[in-house]
Amino acid sequence: MARAAATVRQPHPDRLREAERQKPGYRVIAISLYTPEAEWVDHLTQMLQRAGNPKANRSLVIREALARLHEDLQDKTPQEALQDFITRHVARTPVP
């Protein structure tokens, strides 16, 4: 028992605080997509690979989409951005 207790590592809180200060250049996040959206992202990824970009992946496609959305909305007020989202959503919603 004494031998087991002697080999237990002690926590070093400073190590954890240092990791917080060293923020990586990216974050991994999870997003939810409907099946047709996910399939389209996969299709576009494969299309880019066939066109000559062997490193094309879902992240590249989503980052590019976010960059384009950023360009579209950067000069808009919050109200204008909301109206843009509403307008686009209504245009995509099928009418029964």
C-alpha atoms as a PDB file:
ATOM      1  CA  MET A   1       0.000   0.000   0.000  1.00  0.00           C
ATOM      2  CA  ALA A   2       2.818   2.364   0.881  1.00  0.00           C
ATOM      3  CA  ARG A   3       4.521   1.656  -2.445  1.00  0.00           C
ATOM      4  CA  ALA A   4       1.302   2.439  -4.373  1.00  0.00           C
ATOM      5  CA  ALA A   5       0.828   5.672  -2.443  1.00  0.00           C
ATOM      6  CA  ALA A   6       4.428   6.687  -3.130  1.00  0.00           C
ATOM      7  CA  THR A   7       3.983   6.388  -6.907  1.00  0.00           C
ATOM      8  CA  VAL A   8       0.767   8.411  -7.159  1.00  0.00           C
ATOM      9  CA  ARG A   9       1.262  11.581  -9.153  1.00  0.00           C
ATOM     10  CA  GLN A  10       0.314  14.778  -7.429  1.00  0.00           C
ATOM     11  CA  PRO A  11      -1.791  17.310  -9.354  1.00  0.00           C
ATOM     12  CA  HIS A  12      -0.043  20.466 -10.542  1.00  0.00           C
ATOM     13  CA  PRO A  13      -2.693  23.208 -10.885  1.00  0.00           C
ATOM     14  CA  ASP A  14      -0.148  25.598 -12.410  1.00  0.00           C
ATOM     15  CA  ARG A  15       0.140  23.263 -15.395  1.00  0.00           C
ATOM     16  CA  LEU A  16      -3.612  23.617 -16.012  1.00  0.00           C
ATOM     17  CA  ARG A  17      -3.514  27.402 -15.713  1.00  0.00           C
ATOM     18  CA  GLU A  18      -0.657  27.562 -18.202  1.00  0.00           C
ATOM     19  CA  ALA A  19      -2.680  25.530 -20.723  1.00  0.00           C
ATOM     20  CA  GLU A  20      -5.502  28.085 -20.427  1.00  0.00           C
ATOM     21  CA  ARG A  21      -3.109  30.912 -21.309  1.00  0.00           C
ATOM     22  CA  GLN A  22      -1.836  29.098 -24.397  1.00  0.00           C
ATOM     23  CA  LYS A  23      -4.952  29.211 -26.523  1.00  0.00           C
ATOM     24  CA  PRO A  24      -4.683  27.218 -29.745  1.00  0.00           C
ATOM     25  CA  GLY A  25      -5.274  28.851 -33.086  1.00  0.00           C
ATOM     26  CA  TYR A  26      -8.440  26.827 -33.554  1.00  0.00           C
ATOM     27  CA  ARG A  27     -11.247  25.174 -31.614  1.00  0.00           C
ATOM     28  CA  VAL A  28     -13.026  21.945 -32.355  1.00  0.00           C
ATOM     29  CA  ILE A  29     -16.798  22.403 -32.263  1.00  0.00           C
ATOM     30  CA  ALA A  30     -19.729  20.172 -33.102  1.00  0.00           C
ATOM     31  CA  ILE A  31     -22.525  21.365 -35.364  1.00  0.00           C
ATOM     32  CA  SER A  32     -25.769  19.743 -36.397  1.00  0.00           C
ATOM     33  CA  LEU A  33     -26.747  19.481 -40.037  1.00  0.00           C
ATOM     34  CA  TYR A  34     -29.774  17.906 -41.622  1.00  0.00           C
ATOM     35  CA  THR A  35     -28.950  14.894 -43.788  1.00  0.00           C
ATOM     36  CA  PRO A  36     -29.281  16.733 -47.142  1.00  0.00           C
ATOM     37  CA  GLU A  37     -26.978  19.498 -45.878  1.00  0.00           C
ATOM     38  CA  ALA A  38     -24.366  17.011 -44.649  1.00  0.00           C
ATOM     39  CA  GLU A  39     -24.565  15.101 -47.927  1.00  0.00           C
ATOM     40  CA  TRP A  40     -24.074  18.335 -49.873  1.00  0.00           C
ATOM     41  CA  VAL A  41     -20.994  19.215 -47.803  1.00  0.00           C
ATOM     42  CA  ASP A  42     -19.608  15.728 -48.491  1.00  0.00           C
ATOM     43  CA  HIS A  43     -20.413  16.087 -52.204  1.00  0.00           C
ATOM     44  CA  LEU A  44     -18.675  19.454 -52.391  1.00  0.00           C
ATOM     45  CA  THR A  45     -15.661  18.049 -50.531  1.00  0.00           C
ATOM     46  CA  GLN A  46     -15.388  15.180 -53.034  1.00  0.00           C
ATOM     47  CA  MET A  47     -15.806  17.607 -55.932  1.00  0.00           C
ATOM     48  CA  LEU A  48     -12.923  19.759 -54.644  1.00  0.00           C
ATOM     49  CA  GLN A  49     -10.751  16.674 -54.209  1.00  0.00           C
ATOM     50  CA  ARG A  50     -11.489  15.501 -57.766  1.00  0.00           C
ATOM     51  CA  ALA A  51     -10.723  19.018 -59.032  1.00  0.00           C
ATOM     52  CA  GLY A  52      -7.221  18.786 -57.584  1.00  0.00           C
ATOM     53  CA  ASN A  53      -7.326  19.721 -53.900  1.00  0.00           C
ATOM     54  CA  PRO A  54      -6.362  16.482 -52.090  1.00  0.00           C
ATOM     55  CA  LYS A  55      -6.601  18.181 -48.685  1.00  0.00           C
ATOM     56  CA  ALA A  56     -10.190  19.347 -49.150  1.00  0.00           C
ATOM     57  CA  ASN A  57     -12.381  18.277 -46.255  1.00  0.00           C
ATOM     58  CA  ARG A  58     -15.608  19.226 -44.475  1.00  0.00           C
ATOM     59  CA  SER A  59     -13.828  21.768 -42.312  1.00  0.00           C
ATOM     60  CA  LEU A  60     -12.528  23.590 -45.372  1.00  0.00           C
ATOM     61  CA  VAL A  61     -16.030  23.755 -46.857  1.00  0.00           C
ATOM     62  CA  ILE A  62     -17.627  24.999 -43.637  1.00  0.00           C
ATOM     63  CA  ARG A  63     -14.854  27.552 -42.991  1.00  0.00           C
ATOM     64  CA  GLU A  64     -15.296  28.928 -46.519  1.00  0.00           C
ATOM     65  CA  ALA A  65     -19.061  29.155 -46.008  1.00  0.00           C
ATOM     66  CA  LEU A  66     -18.482  31.044 -42.747  1.00  0.00           C
ATOM     67  CA  ALA A  67     -16.036  33.401 -44.457  1.00  0.00           C
ATOM     68  CA  ARG A  68     -18.625  34.181 -47.129  1.00  0.00           C
ATOM     69  CA  LEU A  69     -21.325  34.714 -44.499  1.00  0.00           C
ATOM     70  CA  HIS A  70     -18.962  37.026 -42.625  1.00  0.00           C
ATOM     71  CA  GLU A  71     -18.388  39.054 -45.810  1.00  0.00           C
ATOM     72  CA  ASP A  72     -22.147  39.272 -46.423  1.00  0.00           C
ATOM     73  CA  LEU A  73     -23.009  40.409 -42.908  1.00  0.00           C
ATOM     74  CA  GLN A  74     -20.000  42.442 -41.769  1.00  0.00           C
ATOM     75  CA  ASP A  75     -21.480  45.854 -42.634  1.00  0.00           C
ATOM     76  CA  LYS A  76     -25.010  45.086 -41.435  1.00  0.00           C
ATOM     77  CA  THR A  77     -26.598  46.061 -38.152  1.00  0.00           C
ATOM     78  CA  PRO A  78     -27.862  43.273 -35.893  1.00  0.00           C
ATOM     79  CA  GLN A  79     -31.400  44.002 -37.078  1.00  0.00           C
ATOM     80  CA  GLU A  80     -30.353  43.820 -40.736  1.00  0.00           C
ATOM     81  CA  ALA A  81     -28.516  40.540 -40.099  1.00  0.00           C
ATOM     82  CA  LEU A  82     -31.611  39.091 -38.439  1.00  0.00           C
ATOM     83  CA  GLN A  83     -33.791  40.228 -41.334  1.00  0.00           C
ATOM     84  CA  ASP A  84     -31.352  38.606 -43.773  1.00  0.00           C
ATOM     85  CA  PHE A  85     -31.591  35.285 -41.900  1.00  0.00           C
ATOM     86  CA  ILE A  86     -35.395  35.499 -41.811  1.00  0.00           C
ATOM     87  CA  THR A  87     -35.646  36.353 -45.507  1.00  0.00           C
ATOM     88  CA  ARG A  88     -33.371  33.481 -46.532  1.00  0.00           C
ATOM     89  CA  HIS A  89     -35.170  31.022 -44.254  1.00  0.00           C
ATOM     90  CA  VAL A  90     -38.565  31.964 -45.675  1.00  0.00           C
ATOM     91  CA  ALA A  91     -37.221  31.632 -49.232  1.00  0.00           C
ATOM     92  CA  ARG A  92     -35.984  28.077 -48.478  1.00  0.00           C
ATOM     93  CA  THR A  93     -39.134  26.932 -46.663  1.00  0.00           C
ATOM     94  CA  PRO A  94     -41.413  24.993 -49.025  1.00  0.00           C
ATOM     95  CA  VAL A  95     -44.994  26.180 -49.203  1.00  0.00           C
ATOM     96  CA  PRO A  96     -47.498  23.339 -48.609  1.00  0.00           C
END
